[in-house]
Structures are given as C-alpha cells and as structure tokens.
Amino acid sequence: MAACTGLIVANLYYCQPLIVLIAQEFKITETNAGTIAYLTQAGYAIGLFFMVPLGDKIERKKQILITTFASIIALIIAATAKSFLILEIASFLIGATSIVPQLILPLAASLSQPEKRGKVVGTIMSGLLVGILLSRTLSGFIGEIWGWRSMFWIAAGICLLLFFVIQKQFPYNKPDFQGSYGKLIQSLFTLIKTQPLLREATLINMFCFAQFGAFWTTMVLLLSEEPFEFNTATIGLFGIIGASGALAAPLVGKLGDKGNSRVAVGYGCLLMLMSFIVFYFSASSVIGIIVGIVLIDIGLQGVHISNQTRVYSILPEARNRMNTVYMSFSFLGTALGSAYGLLLWKIGEWQAVTLGCMLLAAFALIVYAATYQSKSKKLKAESVKN
C-alpha cells in the first residue's frame, strides 16, 4: 500500500522540475508554465472532495481500480498534448484522478488495530512522501535526457502496472454508509460544523501545505537563474534531500499512538517557520537551501501525520469523509500556495516568497495557539463548575 501510494501521488509532482522545458517548447514564460503546478493541485483538491467520500458508500478496491485507470488516460493526454491549453486541462485531470492514496489511507486505517493505527498511517505516509519528493528527482533526469513528454508516458506505464498489482493484492472492504450520494456530500458540511478537532487540523494543514506548495513551485525558478543556473536534472536532485525527511514519518506515527499527536503538530509548525528563515538567508547558498528543505519536510510530516492520526480517531464509520474534508482543503492550500508563490515571485522574487511563507507559518501557529487557549479555558470553566 505504501508503494502504490508513493508511485501514484508522484503524478502530482512530475511537472514541477519540467516547467523550464515546457516553457521552452510552448514558447511561454516560466511563470506562465508554472500554472500547471497549481492546476494539478486544484484538480486533486476537487477530486478529493467529490470522489473520496464514495469510499464510505461503494466498495473501496473497485473505486481504487477505476480511479487508477482514469489516471492512466489523463497522463496519456498530457504526454500527447499539442498545445499548452490541452496540457493545462490534462494537468487538472491528472490531479483529479491521482486521489488513490487518499482512498488507500482510510482502507489501511480500517484494517489496522486502533493501538497501531498511527504507526500504520505513518508507514504508508512515508511511502507517499517519498513518492512526492523523489518524483521531482526522477522527472528532472527523464526530462533532461528524453524530454518532458517521456515522463508522462513513463508515469502512465507505472500506473498501468499498479492497476494489476492492486487488482491482485488489495483486499475487498465493505463500506458502511447506506444513504444517497447527495446525503454523502451534505454530510461533509455537517462534519465540518460539528467536529472542532477536524476544523483545527484542517486549517493548520491548509497553511502548512500552502507553504510547501509555494516553496517547491518557486524553488525551480530560483535554481534555474543566477547564481545557480542548474539544469532540470540537477534541480530534480533536490527531491532526494527532501526524501530523507520521510524517514521521520513512522516515528511521528508512533508518537501519535502514545497520545502526543498535538504536541508533534506544534513542533512541526515551528520547524516550517524556521525553514523559511533559513531560506531567506540562502538565496545564493546551496547548503542553506539543503538545510531548509530538510526542515520544511520534517516539519510538514510532523504536522500532517499527527493531524491525520487525530482525524482518523474521531468517527471510524466516516473515515473516508473525514479524510475528504481534511485532505481536500489541505491540497486546496497547496494549489493556492503555488499560485501565491508565483505571485510573490513576480513581486519580489525569492525574498518576497520567503517572507510571504513566514506569514503563512505564523498563521498556522496562531490557529494552534488559539485552539489550545480555547481548550484550556473550557477545562478551567468545567473545573470551576464541578
């Protein structure tokens, strides 16, 4: 499951190191070519919101197979795109059909024992995060050697292979929800309204994923210009650095099993803030960028895995829908963050990007602190009443 999750989520990130090559072929600016990055993330957010809830209504393995096949079609459209508009449409479809990891995670959570759920989620998340980060390295090399279209053909082949692996290896899993699709979607808003922990985790994640999206989209622009002037393959190598942080995922999951998930969220938010302080002073330093990447990826994992473990513990019968709310808004944050990063780049390049992301990190910490104070006041009030 971890392997399938990592290999499929990689579809969302292959395009990022290829932005320079795509801009050259279609004779557009690199900033305009960067729109495919946030269109892919936006498609993912839309797919999460409208398709993942079905995992609580229809058989999960069947849904995973259908969605994987649709992803293959979207990747082939991207590989054969004759215009940038077609590539933009294909990018949105790639995002919308690459939601399989968010179908696998609730399936794994439902199969695991409660006391080991954090570890299971952490293990699968480590596969997902390695896929996210190494996808950039792979696409950078493939793009430099064979061109950007080859990467999408290879991705389609990988998904076709996974289709048969999933068909043979994954267990069937009967859902619990008996209502209509309309009631299923309506229940998402009910969950947002009635579950304060879900609201807190989702809002913090939105701010953290926005930082992540802004950084990885604009980093390509930074490293392709002076003083670095790296090629696509070299830029892709920076994904390996981020993948080293994925080793922390199972450890964070174990921490959640011990009841310390919320503490890990706070430390993760602080690490992300620290990463952009490092980035601010590293506009011409490879070492500084490497240190910042390790900090941002470990920080994001601390926030994301801990929050996901907390969300999965609320309502087991609504796990897909809880995950839908949590992840769709998280990746909406990534899409908005990518667009935000490109806007900041136009305004003041790297310094503007890093300062803007520090502001997002501060918002995440404010939400975290405000929720903690609210809980403390509530506990004091109950104590006085008793």
Protein backbone atom coordinates (compact mmCIF):
# COMPACT_ATOMS: atom_id res chain seq x y z
CA MET A 1 0.00 0.00 0.00
CA ALA A 2 2.86 2.38 0.81
CA ALA A 3 4.49 1.63 -2.56
CA CYS A 4 1.24 2.17 -4.51
CA THR A 5 0.56 5.37 -2.59
CA GLY A 6 4.01 6.79 -3.35
CA LEU A 7 4.04 5.84 -7.03
CA ILE A 8 0.58 7.26 -7.73
CA VAL A 9 0.89 10.51 -5.74
CA ALA A 10 4.09 11.16 -7.72
CA ASN A 11 1.84 12.03 -10.70
CA LEU A 12 1.08 15.35 -8.99
CA TYR A 13 4.72 16.47 -8.88
CA TYR A 14 6.38 15.23 -12.07
CA CYS A 15 5.57 18.55 -13.76
CA GLN A 16 7.45 20.82 -11.33
CA PRO A 17 11.09 20.31 -12.48
CA LEU A 18 9.82 20.23 -16.09
CA ILE A 19 8.42 23.78 -16.03
CA VAL A 20 11.50 25.24 -17.76
CA LEU A 21 11.40 22.62 -20.56
CA ILE A 22 7.65 23.05 -21.06
CA ALA A 23 8.05 26.84 -21.25
CA GLN A 24 10.72 26.43 -23.93
CA GLU A 25 8.60 24.11 -26.10
CA PHE A 26 5.42 26.19 -25.97
CA LYS A 27 7.37 29.50 -26.11
CA ILE A 28 5.86 30.96 -22.94
CA THR A 29 7.38 32.40 -19.76
CA GLU A 30 8.41 30.05 -16.96
CA THR A 31 5.98 31.81 -14.62
CA ASN A 32 3.08 31.08 -17.00
CA ALA A 33 4.24 27.49 -17.45
CA GLY A 34 4.13 27.19 -13.65
CA THR A 35 0.33 27.35 -13.76
CA ILE A 36 0.23 23.60 -14.46
CA ALA A 37 1.63 23.04 -10.95
CA TYR A 38 -1.31 24.65 -9.18
CA LEU A 39 -3.87 23.34 -11.71
CA THR A 40 -2.72 19.81 -10.83
CA GLN A 41 -3.11 20.56 -7.11
CA ALA A 42 -6.51 22.18 -7.69
CA GLY A 43 -7.67 19.09 -9.60
CA TYR A 44 -6.51 16.95 -6.70
CA ALA A 45 -8.50 19.05 -4.23
CA ILE A 46 -11.65 18.81 -6.39
CA GLY A 47 -11.19 15.06 -6.86
CA LEU A 48 -10.74 14.60 -3.13
CA PHE A 49 -13.90 16.49 -2.27
CA PHE A 50 -16.24 14.82 -4.76
CA MET A 51 -14.75 11.33 -5.24
CA VAL A 52 -13.10 10.21 -1.99
CA PRO A 53 -16.39 10.28 0.02
CA LEU A 54 -17.64 7.48 -2.22
CA GLY A 55 -15.23 5.20 -0.35
CA ASP A 56 -17.76 5.20 2.51
CA LYS A 57 -20.53 4.14 0.09
CA ILE A 58 -19.07 1.84 -2.62
CA GLU A 59 -16.54 -0.99 -2.40
CA ARG A 60 -13.12 0.65 -1.95
CA LYS A 61 -11.00 -1.70 -4.08
CA LYS A 62 -13.34 -1.21 -7.05
CA GLN A 63 -13.14 2.58 -6.69
CA ILE A 64 -9.32 2.46 -6.46
CA LEU A 65 -9.09 0.41 -9.69
CA ILE A 66 -11.45 2.69 -11.65
CA THR A 67 -9.63 5.83 -10.50
CA THR A 68 -6.20 4.37 -11.33
CA PHE A 69 -7.35 3.56 -14.87
CA ALA A 70 -8.68 7.12 -15.29
CA SER A 71 -5.29 8.44 -14.18
CA ILE A 72 -3.60 6.46 -16.97
CA ILE A 73 -5.84 8.18 -19.55
CA ALA A 74 -5.09 11.65 -18.12
CA LEU A 75 -1.32 11.01 -18.22
CA ILE A 76 -1.51 9.93 -21.87
CA ILE A 77 -3.41 13.14 -22.73
CA ALA A 78 -0.60 15.16 -21.11
CA ALA A 79 2.09 13.19 -22.97
CA THR A 80 0.43 13.88 -26.35
CA ALA A 81 -0.71 17.50 -25.72
CA LYS A 82 -0.31 19.66 -28.84
CA SER A 83 -0.96 22.95 -27.06
CA PHE A 84 -0.36 24.39 -23.62
CA LEU A 85 -4.13 24.67 -23.08
CA ILE A 86 -4.52 20.90 -23.57
CA LEU A 87 -1.63 20.35 -21.15
CA GLU A 88 -3.36 22.58 -18.58
CA ILE A 89 -6.59 20.57 -18.92
CA ALA A 90 -4.64 17.30 -18.69
CA SER A 91 -2.82 18.58 -15.58
CA PHE A 92 -6.15 19.27 -13.87
CA LEU A 93 -7.37 15.76 -14.80
CA ILE A 94 -4.13 14.18 -13.56
CA GLY A 95 -4.72 15.86 -10.22
CA ALA A 96 -8.37 14.82 -10.05
CA THR A 97 -7.58 11.15 -10.81
CA SER A 98 -4.48 10.81 -8.60
CA ILE A 99 -6.55 10.67 -5.41
CA VAL A 100 -5.89 6.93 -4.97
CA PRO A 101 -3.54 7.50 -1.98
CA GLN A 102 -6.44 9.12 -0.11
CA LEU A 103 -8.55 6.02 -0.81
CA ILE A 104 -5.77 3.70 0.35
CA LEU A 105 -5.14 5.51 3.66
CA PRO A 106 -8.69 5.10 5.06
CA LEU A 107 -8.68 1.48 3.83
CA ALA A 108 -5.43 0.81 5.73
CA ALA A 109 -6.74 2.61 8.82
CA SER A 110 -9.90 0.48 8.80
CA LEU A 111 -7.84 -2.73 8.56
CA SER A 112 -5.39 -1.81 11.36
CA GLN A 113 -5.78 -2.25 15.12
CA PRO A 114 -6.56 1.03 16.97
CA GLU A 115 -3.38 0.92 19.06
CA LYS A 116 -1.26 0.56 15.89
CA ARG A 117 -3.18 2.95 13.64
CA GLY A 118 -0.70 5.81 13.99
CA LYS A 119 2.20 3.56 13.03
CA VAL A 120 0.30 2.17 10.03
CA VAL A 121 -0.67 5.66 8.83
CA GLY A 122 2.92 6.81 9.36
CA THR A 123 4.34 3.88 7.35
CA ILE A 124 2.03 4.49 4.40
CA MET A 125 2.62 8.23 4.66
CA SER A 126 6.37 7.60 4.45
CA GLY A 127 5.73 5.89 1.09
CA LEU A 128 3.55 8.80 -0.01
CA LEU A 129 6.12 11.41 1.00
CA VAL A 130 9.00 9.55 -0.66
CA GLY A 131 6.85 9.46 -3.82
CA ILE A 132 6.21 13.20 -3.60
CA LEU A 133 9.86 14.08 -3.15
CA LEU A 134 11.61 11.54 -5.40
CA SER A 135 9.13 12.23 -8.22
CA ARG A 136 10.92 15.53 -8.77
CA THR A 137 14.31 13.80 -8.99
CA LEU A 138 13.03 11.21 -11.46
CA SER A 139 11.23 13.73 -13.69
CA GLY A 140 14.26 16.04 -13.64
CA PHE A 141 16.52 13.31 -15.04
CA ILE A 142 13.96 11.93 -17.50
CA GLY A 143 13.17 15.44 -18.77
CA GLU A 144 16.84 16.31 -19.26
CA ILE A 145 17.61 13.05 -21.11
CA TRP A 146 14.45 12.29 -23.14
CA GLY A 147 12.27 15.39 -22.86
CA TRP A 148 9.30 16.26 -20.65
CA ARG A 149 6.75 14.19 -22.59
CA SER A 150 8.64 10.96 -21.82
CA MET A 151 7.99 11.44 -18.11
CA PHE A 152 4.23 11.36 -18.62
CA TRP A 153 4.48 8.24 -20.80
CA ILE A 154 6.57 6.51 -18.11
CA ALA A 155 4.08 7.59 -15.42
CA ALA A 156 1.22 6.08 -17.45
CA GLY A 157 3.17 2.80 -17.68
CA ILE A 158 3.79 2.78 -13.92
CA CYS A 159 0.08 3.30 -13.21
CA LEU A 160 -0.85 0.50 -15.62
CA LEU A 161 1.46 -1.87 -13.74
CA LEU A 162 -0.01 -0.74 -10.41
CA PHE A 163 -3.52 -1.39 -11.74
CA PHE A 164 -2.73 -5.11 -11.98
CA VAL A 165 -0.88 -5.16 -8.63
CA ILE A 166 -3.87 -3.57 -6.86
CA GLN A 167 -6.28 -5.95 -8.57
CA LYS A 168 -4.32 -8.96 -7.30
CA GLN A 169 -3.11 -7.83 -3.86
CA PHE A 170 -5.63 -5.45 -2.27
CA PRO A 171 -8.41 -6.83 -0.04
CA TYR A 172 -12.09 -6.10 -0.55
CA ASN A 173 -13.58 -3.73 2.02
CA LYS A 174 -17.31 -3.28 2.52
CA PRO A 175 -18.44 0.31 3.28
CA ASP A 176 -20.92 1.30 6.00
CA PHE A 177 -22.80 4.32 4.57
CA GLN A 178 -26.28 3.49 3.21
CA GLY A 179 -27.57 6.91 2.10
CA SER A 180 -27.51 8.65 -1.30
CA TYR A 181 -24.53 10.46 -2.86
CA GLY A 182 -26.24 13.79 -2.17
CA LYS A 183 -26.52 12.96 1.53
CA LEU A 184 -22.92 11.77 1.48
CA ILE A 185 -21.69 15.18 0.23
CA GLN A 186 -24.07 17.02 2.57
CA SER A 187 -22.61 15.08 5.49
CA LEU A 188 -19.20 16.63 4.75
CA PHE A 189 -20.50 20.05 5.76
CA THR A 190 -22.15 18.51 8.83
CA LEU A 191 -18.79 17.09 9.87
CA ILE A 192 -17.11 20.49 9.41
CA LYS A 193 -19.82 22.10 11.54
CA THR A 194 -19.87 19.56 14.36
CA GLN A 195 -16.22 18.45 14.68
CA PRO A 196 -13.91 21.16 16.15
CA LEU A 197 -10.83 18.91 16.04
CA LEU A 198 -11.41 18.38 12.31
CA ARG A 199 -11.68 22.16 11.75
CA GLU A 200 -8.48 22.84 13.70
CA ALA A 201 -6.43 20.11 11.98
CA THR A 202 -7.70 21.12 8.52
CA LEU A 203 -6.99 24.83 8.94
CA ILE A 204 -3.47 24.23 10.26
CA ASN A 205 -2.80 21.83 7.40
CA MET A 206 -4.03 24.34 4.82
CA PHE A 207 -1.48 26.91 5.96
CA CYS A 208 1.32 24.33 6.10
CA PHE A 209 0.55 22.81 2.68
CA ALA A 210 0.38 26.33 1.22
CA GLN A 211 3.97 26.92 2.39
CA PHE A 212 5.03 23.59 0.87
CA GLY A 213 3.39 24.40 -2.49
CA ALA A 214 4.83 27.91 -2.64
CA PHE A 215 8.35 26.68 -1.89
CA TRP A 216 8.58 23.78 -4.35
CA THR A 217 6.99 25.76 -7.20
CA THR A 218 9.29 28.79 -6.86
CA MET A 219 12.43 26.82 -5.97
CA VAL A 220 12.59 25.68 -9.61
CA LEU A 221 12.66 29.34 -10.70
CA LEU A 222 15.35 30.20 -8.13
CA LEU A 223 17.68 27.35 -9.07
CA SER A 224 17.32 27.90 -12.84
CA GLU A 225 18.55 31.51 -12.56
CA GLU A 226 21.83 33.13 -11.48
CA PRO A 227 23.89 32.38 -9.47
CA PHE A 228 22.92 28.69 -9.75
CA GLU A 229 21.72 28.20 -13.36
CA PHE A 230 21.08 24.48 -12.71
CA ASN A 231 19.58 22.27 -15.41
CA THR A 232 16.41 20.22 -14.96
CA ALA A 233 18.23 17.08 -13.79
CA THR A 234 20.21 18.96 -11.13
CA ILE A 235 17.09 20.71 -9.84
CA GLY A 236 15.39 17.32 -9.54
CA LEU A 237 18.18 16.08 -7.28
CA PHE A 238 16.93 18.35 -4.51
CA GLY A 239 13.97 15.98 -4.15
CA ILE A 240 16.35 13.36 -2.72
CA ILE A 241 17.22 15.75 0.11
CA GLY A 242 13.57 16.13 0.99
CA ALA A 243 13.05 12.36 0.86
CA SER A 244 15.48 11.96 3.76
CA GLY A 245 12.90 13.67 5.95
CA ALA A 246 10.36 10.94 5.09
CA LEU A 247 12.26 8.62 7.44
CA ALA A 248 10.64 10.58 10.28
CA ALA A 249 7.11 9.58 9.24
CA PRO A 250 6.86 6.24 11.11
CA LEU A 251 8.42 7.86 14.20
CA VAL A 252 5.80 10.61 14.14
CA GLY A 253 3.11 7.93 13.78
CA LYS A 254 4.40 6.09 16.86
CA LEU A 255 4.33 9.37 18.77
CA GLY A 256 0.66 9.68 17.83
CA ASP A 257 -0.05 6.18 19.17
CA LYS A 258 1.27 7.38 22.55
CA GLY A 259 -1.24 10.23 22.61
CA ASN A 260 1.22 13.03 21.75
CA SER A 261 -0.10 13.92 18.30
CA ARG A 262 -1.00 17.51 19.10
CA VAL A 263 2.46 18.23 20.55
CA ALA A 264 4.04 16.99 17.30
CA VAL A 265 1.79 19.38 15.35
CA GLY A 266 3.17 22.36 17.29
CA TYR A 267 6.79 21.36 16.78
CA GLY A 268 6.13 20.75 13.09
CA CYS A 269 4.71 24.28 12.65
CA LEU A 270 7.80 25.74 14.33
CA LEU A 271 10.16 23.75 12.09
CA MET A 272 8.38 25.06 8.99
CA LEU A 273 8.75 28.63 10.21
CA MET A 274 12.45 28.01 10.88
CA SER A 275 12.90 26.60 7.36
CA PHE A 276 11.80 29.86 5.73
CA ILE A 277 14.05 31.90 7.99
CA VAL A 278 16.91 29.72 6.68
CA PHE A 279 15.64 30.08 3.08
CA TYR A 280 15.52 33.87 3.41
CA PHE A 281 19.28 33.99 4.01
CA SER A 282 20.04 31.29 1.39
CA ALA A 283 19.18 32.95 -1.93
CA SER A 284 22.71 32.13 -3.14
CA SER A 285 23.63 29.23 -0.84
CA VAL A 286 23.14 25.58 -1.80
CA ILE A 287 23.94 24.46 1.76
CA GLY A 288 21.29 26.80 3.18
CA ILE A 289 18.68 25.50 0.74
CA ILE A 290 19.52 21.89 1.66
CA VAL A 291 19.14 22.63 5.38
CA GLY A 292 15.85 24.43 4.73
CA ILE A 293 14.47 21.52 2.67
CA VAL A 294 15.18 19.03 5.47
CA LEU A 295 13.49 21.34 8.00
CA ILE A 296 10.38 22.01 5.87
CA ASP A 297 9.85 18.33 5.05
CA ILE A 298 10.28 17.03 8.59
CA GLY A 299 8.07 19.88 9.82
CA LEU A 300 5.32 19.13 7.30
CA GLN A 301 5.36 15.43 8.19
CA GLY A 302 5.11 16.25 11.88
CA VAL A 303 2.04 18.38 11.21
CA HIS A 304 0.38 16.22 8.58
CA ILE A 305 0.76 12.70 10.00
CA SER A 306 -0.12 13.81 13.52
CA ASN A 307 -3.21 15.67 12.34
CA GLN A 308 -4.25 12.74 10.14
CA THR A 309 -3.96 10.30 13.05
CA ARG A 310 -6.10 12.64 15.18
CA VAL A 311 -8.74 12.96 12.45
CA TYR A 312 -8.95 9.18 11.91
CA SER A 313 -9.64 8.68 15.62
CA ILE A 314 -12.87 10.71 15.66
CA LEU A 315 -15.54 8.76 13.72
CA PRO A 316 -14.42 5.36 12.34
CA GLU A 317 -17.63 4.94 10.30
CA ALA A 318 -16.97 8.25 8.47
CA ARG A 319 -13.24 7.82 7.91
CA ASN A 320 -13.35 8.48 4.14
CA ARG A 321 -15.46 11.60 4.61
CA MET A 322 -13.27 12.90 7.44
CA ASN A 323 -10.25 12.31 5.20
CA THR A 324 -12.06 14.08 2.35
CA VAL A 325 -12.55 17.28 4.33
CA TYR A 326 -9.06 17.14 5.78
CA MET A 327 -7.17 16.37 2.56
CA SER A 328 -9.23 18.36 0.04
CA PHE A 329 -8.70 21.57 1.98
CA SER A 330 -5.04 20.65 2.56
CA PHE A 331 -4.39 20.32 -1.17
CA LEU A 332 -6.51 23.37 -1.88
CA GLY A 333 -3.92 25.02 0.36
CA THR A 334 -1.14 23.56 -1.84
CA ALA A 335 -2.80 24.89 -5.01
CA LEU A 336 -3.37 28.34 -3.52
CA GLY A 337 0.16 28.27 -2.11
CA SER A 338 1.65 27.53 -5.55
CA ALA A 339 -0.29 30.43 -7.06
CA TYR A 340 0.63 32.62 -4.08
CA GLY A 341 4.31 31.73 -4.52
CA LEU A 342 4.27 32.63 -8.22
CA LEU A 343 2.60 35.96 -7.40
CA LEU A 344 5.20 36.72 -4.72
CA TRP A 345 7.95 35.78 -7.17
CA LYS A 346 6.65 38.38 -9.62
CA ILE A 347 6.59 40.99 -6.83
CA GLY A 348 9.99 40.44 -5.23
CA GLU A 349 11.35 37.03 -6.25
CA TRP A 350 12.91 34.81 -3.53
CA GLN A 351 12.87 37.34 -0.66
CA ALA A 352 9.16 38.02 -1.21
CA VAL A 353 8.39 34.28 -1.37
CA THR A 354 10.19 33.50 1.90
CA LEU A 355 8.64 36.45 3.77
CA GLY A 356 5.18 35.54 2.47
CA CYS A 357 5.64 31.95 3.65
CA MET A 358 6.80 33.10 7.09
CA LEU A 359 3.45 34.88 7.33
CA LEU A 360 1.61 31.63 6.50
CA ALA A 361 3.67 29.79 9.14
CA ALA A 362 2.71 32.44 11.68
CA PHE A 363 -1.00 31.96 10.83
CA ALA A 364 -0.66 28.19 11.41
CA LEU A 365 0.91 28.81 14.82
CA ILE A 366 -1.82 31.33 15.71
CA VAL A 367 -4.53 28.73 14.96
CA TYR A 368 -2.62 26.16 17.01
CA ALA A 369 -2.20 28.51 19.98
CA ALA A 370 -5.77 29.86 19.81
CA THR A 371 -7.24 26.35 19.89
CA TYR A 372 -5.03 25.41 22.85
CA GLN A 373 -6.13 28.51 24.79
CA SER A 374 -9.77 27.79 23.96
CA LYS A 375 -9.45 24.24 25.32
CA SER A 376 -7.67 25.48 28.45
CA LYS A 377 -10.43 27.99 29.18
CA LYS A 378 -13.07 25.31 28.67
CA LEU A 379 -11.31 22.92 31.06
CA LYS A 380 -10.93 25.67 33.69
CA ALA A 381 -14.63 26.55 33.36
CA GLU A 382 -15.62 22.90 33.82
CA SER A 383 -13.28 22.62 36.83
CA VAL A 384 -14.82 25.68 38.49
CA LYS A 385 -18.32 24.37 37.78
CA ASN A 386 -17.51 20.98 39.32
